Amino acid sequence: MTRGTPIGTSGVRTWSGALLVMIAWWVTTYTFGSLPMPALRPGWFPQLGATLTNGLSLAAAWLAAALVHRAGWWGTAPLRRIAGWSGGHLAALGWLAPVLAVQLSYIWIGRQGIPGIAGSAGTLIGVAAMMLAVGISEETAARGFALGALGPRWPWSGMIVTAVVFGLWHLGNGLFFGKSVDETWWQVLSATTFGVCFAGARLLVGSVWPLALLHGLGDWTQVLSPGAAPVWYQSAVMIFEVLWGVTLTALAVRRGRHREQG
C-alpha cells in the first residue's frame, strides 16, 4: 500500500470491486469450462470450447466491472482506461524485452533438452487462437480491471494481491480438471510469480495489449514445446519474474505511471 494512503470507505469499495471482477472471471471460466460439451471440440478446431470459454469469461469480467463502475466504486475514470485497453506508453515497451525472451525460451528449453515446437499447422493455429483468447481474457480481468482500479492509490499492495489471487485462480485446475495436488500447487506458485511480473509491466506500460500478446505467446510455446521445461529452469524463471516485477513496479511508482491506470 502506498505510504500515507488510508483505505477508508471508498477504498473498501475499490478493493471489493477489484476482487469481485476477479471472482466473476474465475466462476465463469471454471463453471463453463468444466461442462462436458463434445460439440465444442470439433476435429477442425479442438480448442473451440476453451476459446469460447475465455471469450465468455472476458464478457463476465466486463459486465462485473461495468456494474462496479456504474455504482461509483471506481471513481469517474473511463472504464476502458481502467481496463488498460489503450495504447499505453510505447517508449516503455523496451522493458518487456526480457519477458519476451523468457516466453520464447520455451521453444529451446524442453524435456531432455529437445528443442522446437511440435504439432501440425492446424494445431499451431488452433492453439494460437486459444492462447490469444486466454491472454486477452486473463490480462483484462487481473492486470486490467483489478490492478487498473487499485494501481493509482495502492500500486504495491495492488500488485501483490492481484498476483496472489491470479495464482489462486489456478486451484480450479485441480478442483475441476483433475490435476494432482502437487501439479496444482506448482501452477499456483508459478502463476503468482507470473502475476507479479505482469503486474509490474502493466503499471509501467499502462496497457494490457502487449501483456496479452506476451501471455498468449508464453502459453503457446509451453503447450507446444516437446515436453515440460526442467524444474530448475522453471524455478529460475519464477525468481526472475519476482525480481523483474518488483523492478518494474518500483520504476512505475518512481515515474508516477501508477496514477495513470484508473
C-alpha atoms as a PDB file:
ATOM      1  CA  MET A   1       0.000   0.000   0.000  1.00  0.00           C
ATOM      2  CA  THR A   2       1.317   3.470  -0.790  1.00  0.00           C
ATOM      3  CA  ARG A   3       2.501   5.098   2.419  1.00  0.00           C
ATOM      4  CA  GLY A   4       0.042   7.589   3.833  1.00  0.00           C
ATOM      5  CA  THR A   5      -2.892   6.377   1.749  1.00  0.00           C
ATOM      6  CA  PRO A   6      -5.655   5.133   4.073  1.00  0.00           C
ATOM      7  CA  ILE A   7      -8.268   2.757   2.778  1.00  0.00           C
ATOM      8  CA  GLY A   8     -11.466   4.353   4.077  1.00  0.00           C
ATOM      9  CA  THR A   9     -14.953   3.596   2.800  1.00  0.00           C
ATOM     10  CA  SER A  10     -14.173   4.421  -0.829  1.00  0.00           C
ATOM     11  CA  GLY A  11     -11.058   2.287  -0.612  1.00  0.00           C
ATOM     12  CA  VAL A  12     -13.014  -0.698   0.658  1.00  0.00           C
ATOM     13  CA  ARG A  13     -15.343  -0.329  -2.313  1.00  0.00           C
ATOM     14  CA  THR A  14     -12.434  -0.071  -4.731  1.00  0.00           C
ATOM     15  CA  TRP A  15     -10.843  -3.226  -3.346  1.00  0.00           C
ATOM     16  CA  SER A  16     -14.166  -5.060  -3.208  1.00  0.00           C
ATOM     17  CA  GLY A  17     -14.895  -4.176  -6.823  1.00  0.00           C
ATOM     18  CA  ALA A  18     -11.488  -5.411  -7.964  1.00  0.00           C
ATOM     19  CA  LEU A  19     -11.922  -8.722  -6.164  1.00  0.00           C
ATOM     20  CA  LEU A  20     -15.485  -9.126  -7.459  1.00  0.00           C
ATOM     21  CA  VAL A  21     -14.284  -8.817 -11.049  1.00  0.00           C
ATOM     22  CA  MET A  22     -11.584 -11.429 -10.484  1.00  0.00           C
ATOM     23  CA  ILE A  23     -14.083 -13.752  -8.801  1.00  0.00           C
ATOM     24  CA  ALA A  24     -16.564 -13.263 -11.657  1.00  0.00           C
ATOM     25  CA  TRP A  25     -13.871 -14.271 -14.127  1.00  0.00           C
ATOM     26  CA  TRP A  26     -12.946 -17.369 -12.119  1.00  0.00           C
ATOM     27  CA  VAL A  27     -16.508 -18.575 -11.603  1.00  0.00           C
ATOM     28  CA  THR A  28     -17.374 -18.136 -15.282  1.00  0.00           C
ATOM     29  CA  THR A  29     -14.203 -19.813 -16.524  1.00  0.00           C
ATOM     30  CA  TYR A  30     -14.413 -22.933 -14.415  1.00  0.00           C
ATOM     31  CA  THR A  31     -18.187 -23.291 -14.426  1.00  0.00           C
ATOM     32  CA  PHE A  32     -18.493 -23.130 -18.193  1.00  0.00           C
ATOM     33  CA  GLY A  33     -15.112 -24.708 -18.894  1.00  0.00           C
ATOM     34  CA  SER A  34     -15.854 -27.809 -16.830  1.00  0.00           C
ATOM     35  CA  LEU A  35     -19.106 -28.623 -18.633  1.00  0.00           C
ATOM     36  CA  PRO A  36     -18.848 -31.715 -20.874  1.00  0.00           C
ATOM     37  CA  MET A  37     -19.595 -30.362 -24.348  1.00  0.00           C
ATOM     38  CA  PRO A  38     -18.093 -32.617 -27.044  1.00  0.00           C
ATOM     39  CA  ALA A  39     -19.680 -30.459 -29.733  1.00  0.00           C
ATOM     40  CA  LEU A  40     -17.226 -27.704 -28.802  1.00  0.00           C
ATOM     41  CA  ARG A  41     -14.253 -29.927 -29.644  1.00  0.00           C
ATOM     42  CA  PRO A  42     -14.691 -30.392 -33.409  1.00  0.00           C
ATOM     43  CA  GLY A  43     -11.928 -32.022 -35.384  1.00  0.00           C
ATOM     44  CA  TRP A  44     -11.274 -28.848 -37.331  1.00  0.00           C
ATOM     45  CA  PHE A  45     -10.833 -26.777 -34.135  1.00  0.00           C
ATOM     46  CA  PRO A  46     -10.487 -28.870 -30.937  1.00  0.00           C
ATOM     47  CA  GLN A  47      -9.694 -25.705 -28.983  1.00  0.00           C
ATOM     48  CA  LEU A  48     -13.070 -24.111 -29.798  1.00  0.00           C
ATOM     49  CA  GLY A  49     -14.568 -24.761 -26.359  1.00  0.00           C
ATOM     50  CA  ALA A  50     -11.594 -23.288 -24.489  1.00  0.00           C
ATOM     51  CA  THR A  51     -11.524 -20.280 -26.813  1.00  0.00           C
ATOM     52  CA  LEU A  52     -15.237 -19.595 -26.310  1.00  0.00           C
ATOM     53  CA  THR A  53     -14.887 -20.097 -22.560  1.00  0.00           C
ATOM     54  CA  ASN A  54     -12.282 -17.372 -22.382  1.00  0.00           C
ATOM     55  CA  GLY A  55     -14.449 -15.116 -24.514  1.00  0.00           C
ATOM     56  CA  LEU A  56     -17.334 -15.680 -22.110  1.00  0.00           C
ATOM     57  CA  SER A  57     -15.057 -15.029 -19.124  1.00  0.00           C
ATOM     58  CA  LEU A  58     -13.922 -11.780 -20.712  1.00  0.00           C
ATOM     59  CA  ALA A  59     -17.551 -10.738 -21.134  1.00  0.00           C
ATOM     60  CA  ALA A  60     -18.285 -11.645 -17.497  1.00  0.00           C
ATOM     61  CA  ALA A  61     -15.345  -9.531 -16.334  1.00  0.00           C
ATOM     62  CA  TRP A  62     -16.552  -6.562 -18.406  1.00  0.00           C
ATOM     63  CA  LEU A  63     -20.093  -6.945 -17.056  1.00  0.00           C
ATOM     64  CA  ALA A  64     -18.922  -7.118 -13.436  1.00  0.00           C
ATOM     65  CA  ALA A  65     -16.607  -4.155 -13.970  1.00  0.00           C
ATOM     66  CA  ALA A  66     -19.366  -2.138 -15.631  1.00  0.00           C
ATOM     67  CA  LEU A  67     -21.701  -2.750 -12.675  1.00  0.00           C
ATOM     68  CA  VAL A  68     -18.992  -1.804 -10.173  1.00  0.00           C
ATOM     69  CA  HIS A  69     -18.113   1.290 -12.175  1.00  0.00           C
ATOM     70  CA  ARG A  70     -21.752   2.307 -12.526  1.00  0.00           C
ATOM     71  CA  ALA A  71     -22.157   2.002  -8.760  1.00  0.00           C
ATOM     72  CA  GLY A  72     -19.377   4.566  -8.379  1.00  0.00           C
ATOM     73  CA  TRP A  73     -16.912   2.258  -6.656  1.00  0.00           C
ATOM     74  CA  TRP A  74     -14.096   3.051  -9.096  1.00  0.00           C
ATOM     75  CA  GLY A  75     -14.488   6.780  -9.473  1.00  0.00           C
ATOM     76  CA  THR A  76     -15.102   8.553 -12.749  1.00  0.00           C
ATOM     77  CA  ALA A  77     -12.232   7.365 -14.934  1.00  0.00           C
ATOM     78  CA  PRO A  78     -13.413   5.779 -18.203  1.00  0.00           C
ATOM     79  CA  LEU A  79     -13.827   2.013 -17.874  1.00  0.00           C
ATOM     80  CA  ARG A  80     -11.735   1.441 -20.984  1.00  0.00           C
ATOM     81  CA  ARG A  81      -8.836   3.236 -19.335  1.00  0.00           C
ATOM     82  CA  ILE A  82      -9.192   1.246 -16.122  1.00  0.00           C
ATOM     83  CA  ALA A  83      -9.172  -1.936 -18.213  1.00  0.00           C
ATOM     84  CA  GLY A  84      -5.916  -0.915 -19.876  1.00  0.00           C
ATOM     85  CA  TRP A  85      -7.482  -1.151 -23.321  1.00  0.00           C
ATOM     86  CA  SER A  86      -5.360   1.720 -24.561  1.00  0.00           C
ATOM     87  CA  GLY A  87      -2.075   2.316 -26.327  1.00  0.00           C
ATOM     88  CA  GLY A  88      -0.088   2.879 -23.163  1.00  0.00           C
ATOM     89  CA  HIS A  89       3.498   4.136 -23.183  1.00  0.00           C
ATOM     90  CA  LEU A  90       5.219   2.821 -26.276  1.00  0.00           C
ATOM     91  CA  ALA A  91       8.598   4.037 -25.059  1.00  0.00           C
ATOM     92  CA  ALA A  92       8.332   1.678 -22.086  1.00  0.00           C
ATOM     93  CA  LEU A  93       7.907  -1.446 -24.219  1.00  0.00           C
ATOM     94  CA  GLY A  94      11.661  -1.992 -24.198  1.00  0.00           C
ATOM     95  CA  TRP A  95      11.372  -3.009 -20.546  1.00  0.00           C
ATOM     96  CA  LEU A  96       9.374  -6.016 -21.701  1.00  0.00           C
ATOM     97  CA  ALA A  97      12.225  -7.406 -23.822  1.00  0.00           C
ATOM     98  CA  PRO A  98      13.449  -9.764 -21.050  1.00  0.00           C
ATOM     99  CA  VAL A  99       9.888 -11.028 -20.596  1.00  0.00           C
ATOM    100  CA  LEU A 100       9.648 -11.689 -24.332  1.00  0.00           C
ATOM    101  CA  ALA A 101      12.930 -13.589 -24.181  1.00  0.00           C
ATOM    102  CA  VAL A 102      11.597 -15.820 -21.412  1.00  0.00           C
ATOM    103  CA  GLN A 103       8.378 -16.539 -23.303  1.00  0.00           C
ATOM    104  CA  LEU A 104      10.337 -17.533 -26.406  1.00  0.00           C
ATOM    105  CA  SER A 105      12.852 -19.561 -24.429  1.00  0.00           C
ATOM    106  CA  TYR A 106      10.430 -22.455 -24.011  1.00  0.00           C
ATOM    107  CA  ILE A 107      10.960 -23.226 -27.679  1.00  0.00           C
ATOM    108  CA  TRP A 108      14.536 -24.227 -26.865  1.00  0.00           C
ATOM    109  CA  ILE A 109      14.153 -25.435 -23.265  1.00  0.00           C
ATOM    110  CA  GLY A 110      12.180 -28.694 -23.242  1.00  0.00           C
ATOM    111  CA  ARG A 111      12.157 -32.079 -21.619  1.00  0.00           C
ATOM    112  CA  GLN A 112      15.510 -33.835 -22.074  1.00  0.00           C
ATOM    113  CA  GLY A 113      16.757 -30.816 -23.961  1.00  0.00           C
ATOM    114  CA  ILE A 114      14.559 -31.415 -27.012  1.00  0.00           C
ATOM    115  CA  PRO A 115      14.004 -28.018 -28.688  1.00  0.00           C
ATOM    116  CA  GLY A 116      11.325 -26.806 -31.050  1.00  0.00           C
ATOM    117  CA  ILE A 117       7.567 -26.659 -31.426  1.00  0.00           C
ATOM    118  CA  ALA A 118       5.531 -29.793 -32.076  1.00  0.00           C
ATOM    119  CA  GLY A 119       2.225 -30.040 -33.923  1.00  0.00           C
ATOM    120  CA  SER A 120       0.541 -29.799 -37.296  1.00  0.00           C
ATOM    121  CA  ALA A 121      -0.218 -26.470 -38.935  1.00  0.00           C
ATOM    122  CA  GLY A 122      -3.836 -26.799 -37.760  1.00  0.00           C
ATOM    123  CA  THR A 123      -2.692 -27.419 -34.200  1.00  0.00           C
ATOM    124  CA  LEU A 124      -0.320 -24.460 -34.238  1.00  0.00           C
ATOM    125  CA  ILE A 125      -3.072 -22.126 -35.447  1.00  0.00           C
ATOM    126  CA  GLY A 126      -5.788 -23.546 -33.186  1.00  0.00           C
ATOM    127  CA  VAL A 127      -3.644 -23.348 -30.060  1.00  0.00           C
ATOM    128  CA  ALA A 128      -2.538 -19.830 -31.054  1.00  0.00           C
ATOM    129  CA  ALA A 129      -6.182 -18.687 -31.244  1.00  0.00           C
ATOM    130  CA  MET A 130      -6.972 -20.296 -27.901  1.00  0.00           C
ATOM    131  CA  MET A 131      -3.937 -18.812 -26.148  1.00  0.00           C
ATOM    132  CA  LEU A 132      -4.597 -15.363 -27.556  1.00  0.00           C
ATOM    133  CA  ALA A 133      -8.093 -15.598 -26.072  1.00  0.00           C
ATOM    134  CA  VAL A 134      -6.567 -16.706 -22.763  1.00  0.00           C
ATOM    135  CA  GLY A 135      -4.123 -13.802 -22.782  1.00  0.00           C
ATOM    136  CA  ILE A 136      -6.753 -11.164 -23.517  1.00  0.00           C
ATOM    137  CA  SER A 137      -9.245 -12.602 -21.037  1.00  0.00           C
ATOM    138  CA  GLU A 138      -6.886 -13.127 -18.106  1.00  0.00           C
ATOM    139  CA  GLU A 139      -4.922  -9.924 -18.559  1.00  0.00           C
ATOM    140  CA  THR A 140      -8.078  -7.818 -18.844  1.00  0.00           C
ATOM    141  CA  ALA A 141      -9.564  -9.267 -15.665  1.00  0.00           C
ATOM    142  CA  ALA A 142      -6.428  -9.360 -13.496  1.00  0.00           C
ATOM    143  CA  ARG A 143      -3.972  -6.731 -14.710  1.00  0.00           C
ATOM    144  CA  GLY A 144      -6.668  -4.733 -16.491  1.00  0.00           C
ATOM    145  CA  PHE A 145      -9.680  -4.086 -14.303  1.00  0.00           C
ATOM    146  CA  ALA A 146      -8.399  -5.247 -10.908  1.00  0.00           C
ATOM    147  CA  LEU A 147      -4.966  -3.650 -10.988  1.00  0.00           C
ATOM    148  CA  GLY A 148      -6.246  -0.739 -13.050  1.00  0.00           C
ATOM    149  CA  ALA A 149      -8.635   0.108 -10.214  1.00  0.00           C
ATOM    150  CA  LEU A 150      -6.100  -0.424  -7.416  1.00  0.00           C
ATOM    151  CA  GLY A 151      -2.918   0.877  -9.039  1.00  0.00           C
ATOM    152  CA  PRO A 152      -3.458   4.637  -8.738  1.00  0.00           C
ATOM    153  CA  ARG A 153      -3.664   4.505  -4.917  1.00  0.00           C
ATOM    154  CA  TRP A 154      -2.093   1.196  -3.946  1.00  0.00           C
ATOM    155  CA  PRO A 155       0.435   0.102  -6.595  1.00  0.00           C
ATOM    156  CA  TRP A 156       2.469  -2.196  -4.338  1.00  0.00           C
ATOM    157  CA  SER A 157      -0.350  -3.908  -2.470  1.00  0.00           C
ATOM    158  CA  GLY A 158      -2.393  -3.974  -5.693  1.00  0.00           C
ATOM    159  CA  MET A 159       0.468  -5.744  -7.453  1.00  0.00           C
ATOM    160  CA  ILE A 160       0.841  -8.304  -4.652  1.00  0.00           C
ATOM    161  CA  VAL A 161      -2.848  -9.033  -4.112  1.00  0.00           C
ATOM    162  CA  THR A 162      -3.763  -9.337  -7.787  1.00  0.00           C
ATOM    163  CA  ALA A 163      -0.764 -11.642  -8.300  1.00  0.00           C
ATOM    164  CA  VAL A 164      -1.796 -13.863  -5.385  1.00  0.00           C
ATOM    165  CA  VAL A 165      -5.431 -14.023  -6.496  1.00  0.00           C
ATOM    166  CA  PHE A 166      -4.281 -14.727 -10.051  1.00  0.00           C
ATOM    167  CA  GLY A 167      -2.228 -17.613  -8.695  1.00  0.00           C
ATOM    168  CA  LEU A 168      -5.157 -18.941  -6.672  1.00  0.00           C
ATOM    169  CA  TRP A 169      -7.286 -18.912  -9.813  1.00  0.00           C
ATOM    170  CA  HIS A 170      -5.302 -21.966 -10.869  1.00  0.00           C
ATOM    171  CA  LEU A 171      -6.655 -24.047  -7.987  1.00  0.00           C
ATOM    172  CA  GLY A 172      -9.523 -24.625 -10.399  1.00  0.00           C
ATOM    173  CA  ASN A 173      -7.281 -26.863 -12.475  1.00  0.00           C
ATOM    174  CA  GLY A 174      -7.141 -29.294  -9.580  1.00  0.00           C
ATOM    175  CA  LEU A 175     -10.743 -28.850  -8.473  1.00  0.00           C
ATOM    176  CA  PHE A 176     -12.331 -29.202 -11.911  1.00  0.00           C
ATOM    177  CA  PHE A 177      -9.796 -30.658 -14.331  1.00  0.00           C
ATOM    178  CA  GLY A 178      -8.251 -33.479 -12.336  1.00  0.00           C
ATOM    179  CA  LYS A 179      -4.742 -32.110 -11.861  1.00  0.00           C
ATOM    180  CA  SER A 180      -2.767 -33.655  -8.994  1.00  0.00           C
ATOM    181  CA  VAL A 181      -2.242 -31.718  -5.777  1.00  0.00           C
ATOM    182  CA  ASP A 182       1.472 -31.268  -6.458  1.00  0.00           C
ATOM    183  CA  GLU A 183       0.908 -30.108 -10.023  1.00  0.00           C
ATOM    184  CA  THR A 184      -1.865 -27.741  -8.977  1.00  0.00           C
ATOM    185  CA  TRP A 185       0.145 -26.028  -6.265  1.00  0.00           C
ATOM    186  CA  TRP A 186       3.121 -25.700  -8.584  1.00  0.00           C
ATOM    187  CA  GLN A 187       0.829 -23.964 -11.076  1.00  0.00           C
ATOM    188  CA  VAL A 188      -0.462 -21.693  -8.315  1.00  0.00           C
ATOM    189  CA  LEU A 189       3.102 -20.727  -7.373  1.00  0.00           C
ATOM    190  CA  SER A 190       4.277 -20.182 -10.942  1.00  0.00           C
ATOM    191  CA  ALA A 191       1.137 -18.202 -11.811  1.00  0.00           C
ATOM    192  CA  THR A 192       1.667 -15.986  -8.756  1.00  0.00           C
ATOM    193  CA  THR A 193       5.220 -15.056  -9.755  1.00  0.00           C
ATOM    194  CA  PHE A 194       3.980 -14.558 -13.320  1.00  0.00           C
ATOM    195  CA  GLY A 195       1.352 -12.207 -11.902  1.00  0.00           C
ATOM    196  CA  VAL A 196       3.981 -10.177 -10.054  1.00  0.00           C
ATOM    197  CA  CYS A 197       5.969  -9.682 -13.258  1.00  0.00           C
ATOM    198  CA  PHE A 198       2.995  -8.804 -15.426  1.00  0.00           C
ATOM    199  CA  ALA A 199       1.514  -6.502 -12.786  1.00  0.00           C
ATOM    200  CA  GLY A 200       4.736  -4.505 -12.758  1.00  0.00           C
ATOM    201  CA  ALA A 201       4.628  -4.407 -16.545  1.00  0.00           C
ATOM    202  CA  ARG A 202       1.046  -3.128 -16.528  1.00  0.00           C
ATOM    203  CA  LEU A 203       1.864  -0.375 -14.052  1.00  0.00           C
ATOM    204  CA  LEU A 204       4.802   0.799 -16.150  1.00  0.00           C
ATOM    205  CA  VAL A 205       3.433   0.346 -19.679  1.00  0.00           C
ATOM    206  CA  GLY A 206      -0.185   1.221 -18.886  1.00  0.00           C
ATOM    207  CA  SER A 207      -1.738  -1.136 -21.443  1.00  0.00           C
ATOM    208  CA  VAL A 208      -2.758  -4.790 -21.262  1.00  0.00           C
ATOM    209  CA  TRP A 209      -2.405  -5.400 -25.013  1.00  0.00           C
ATOM    210  CA  PRO A 210       1.338  -6.152 -25.030  1.00  0.00           C
ATOM    211  CA  LEU A 211       0.817  -8.244 -21.895  1.00  0.00           C
ATOM    212  CA  ALA A 212      -1.980 -10.229 -23.531  1.00  0.00           C
ATOM    213  CA  LEU A 213       0.259 -10.970 -26.514  1.00  0.00           C
ATOM    214  CA  LEU A 214       3.192 -11.995 -24.302  1.00  0.00           C
ATOM    215  CA  HIS A 215       0.900 -14.081 -22.106  1.00  0.00           C
ATOM    216  CA  GLY A 216      -0.565 -15.895 -25.080  1.00  0.00           C
ATOM    217  CA  LEU A 217       2.863 -16.373 -26.650  1.00  0.00           C
ATOM    218  CA  GLY A 218       4.277 -17.907 -23.485  1.00  0.00           C
ATOM    219  CA  ASP A 219       1.373 -20.306 -23.113  1.00  0.00           C
ATOM    220  CA  TRP A 220       1.638 -21.210 -26.809  1.00  0.00           C
ATOM    221  CA  THR A 221       5.330 -22.046 -26.645  1.00  0.00           C
ATOM    222  CA  GLN A 222       4.942 -24.024 -23.405  1.00  0.00           C
ATOM    223  CA  VAL A 223       1.991 -26.074 -24.649  1.00  0.00           C
ATOM    224  CA  LEU A 224       3.604 -26.880 -27.992  1.00  0.00           C
ATOM    225  CA  SER A 225       7.185 -27.440 -26.851  1.00  0.00           C
ATOM    226  CA  PRO A 226       8.112 -31.153 -26.753  1.00  0.00           C
ATOM    227  CA  GLY A 227       7.796 -31.648 -23.004  1.00  0.00           C
ATOM    228  CA  ALA A 228       7.733 -29.504 -19.890  1.00  0.00           C
ATOM    229  CA  ALA A 229      10.729 -27.336 -19.051  1.00  0.00           C
ATOM    230  CA  PRO A 230      13.026 -28.778 -16.348  1.00  0.00           C
ATOM    231  CA  VAL A 231      12.194 -27.845 -12.761  1.00  0.00           C
ATOM    232  CA  TRP A 232      15.455 -25.940 -12.363  1.00  0.00           C
ATOM    233  CA  TYR A 233      14.564 -23.755 -15.340  1.00  0.00           C
ATOM    234  CA  GLN A 234      11.012 -23.123 -14.152  1.00  0.00           C
ATOM    235  CA  SER A 235      12.400 -22.154 -10.736  1.00  0.00           C
ATOM    236  CA  ALA A 236      14.863 -19.740 -12.337  1.00  0.00           C
ATOM    237  CA  VAL A 237      12.023 -18.175 -14.338  1.00  0.00           C
ATOM    238  CA  MET A 238       9.942 -17.680 -11.191  1.00  0.00           C
ATOM    239  CA  ILE A 239      12.834 -15.947  -9.435  1.00  0.00           C
ATOM    240  CA  PHE A 240      13.318 -13.685 -12.449  1.00  0.00           C
ATOM    241  CA  GLU A 241       9.595 -12.858 -12.593  1.00  0.00           C
ATOM    242  CA  VAL A 242       9.524 -11.716  -8.976  1.00  0.00           C
ATOM    243  CA  LEU A 243      12.688  -9.626  -9.290  1.00  0.00           C
ATOM    244  CA  TRP A 244      11.643  -8.089 -12.609  1.00  0.00           C
ATOM    245  CA  GLY A 245       8.095  -7.444 -11.427  1.00  0.00           C
ATOM    246  CA  VAL A 246       9.368  -5.593  -8.362  1.00  0.00           C
ATOM    247  CA  THR A 247      11.795  -3.621 -10.540  1.00  0.00           C
ATOM    248  CA  LEU A 248       9.069  -2.588 -12.989  1.00  0.00           C
ATOM    249  CA  THR A 249       6.699  -1.643 -10.172  1.00  0.00           C
ATOM    250  CA  ALA A 250       9.353   0.489  -8.474  1.00  0.00           C
ATOM    251  CA  LEU A 251      10.106   2.200 -11.775  1.00  0.00           C
ATOM    252  CA  ALA A 252       6.401   2.823 -12.424  1.00  0.00           C
ATOM    253  CA  VAL A 253       5.941   4.360  -8.972  1.00  0.00           C
ATOM    254  CA  ARG A 254       9.041   6.487  -9.348  1.00  0.00           C
ATOM    255  CA  ARG A 255       7.774   7.848 -12.660  1.00  0.00           C
ATOM    256  CA  GLY A 256       4.211   8.256 -11.392  1.00  0.00           C
ATOM    257  CA  ARG A 257       2.876   5.881 -14.025  1.00  0.00           C
ATOM    258  CA  HIS A 258       0.709   4.034 -11.494  1.00  0.00           C
ATOM    259  CA  ARG A 259      -1.509   7.109 -11.135  1.00  0.00           C
ATOM    260  CA  GLU A 260      -2.450   6.860 -14.807  1.00  0.00           C
ATOM    261  CA  GLN A 261      -4.004   3.379 -14.536  1.00  0.00           C
ATOM    262  CA  GLY A 262      -7.505   4.372 -13.490  1.00  0.00           C
END
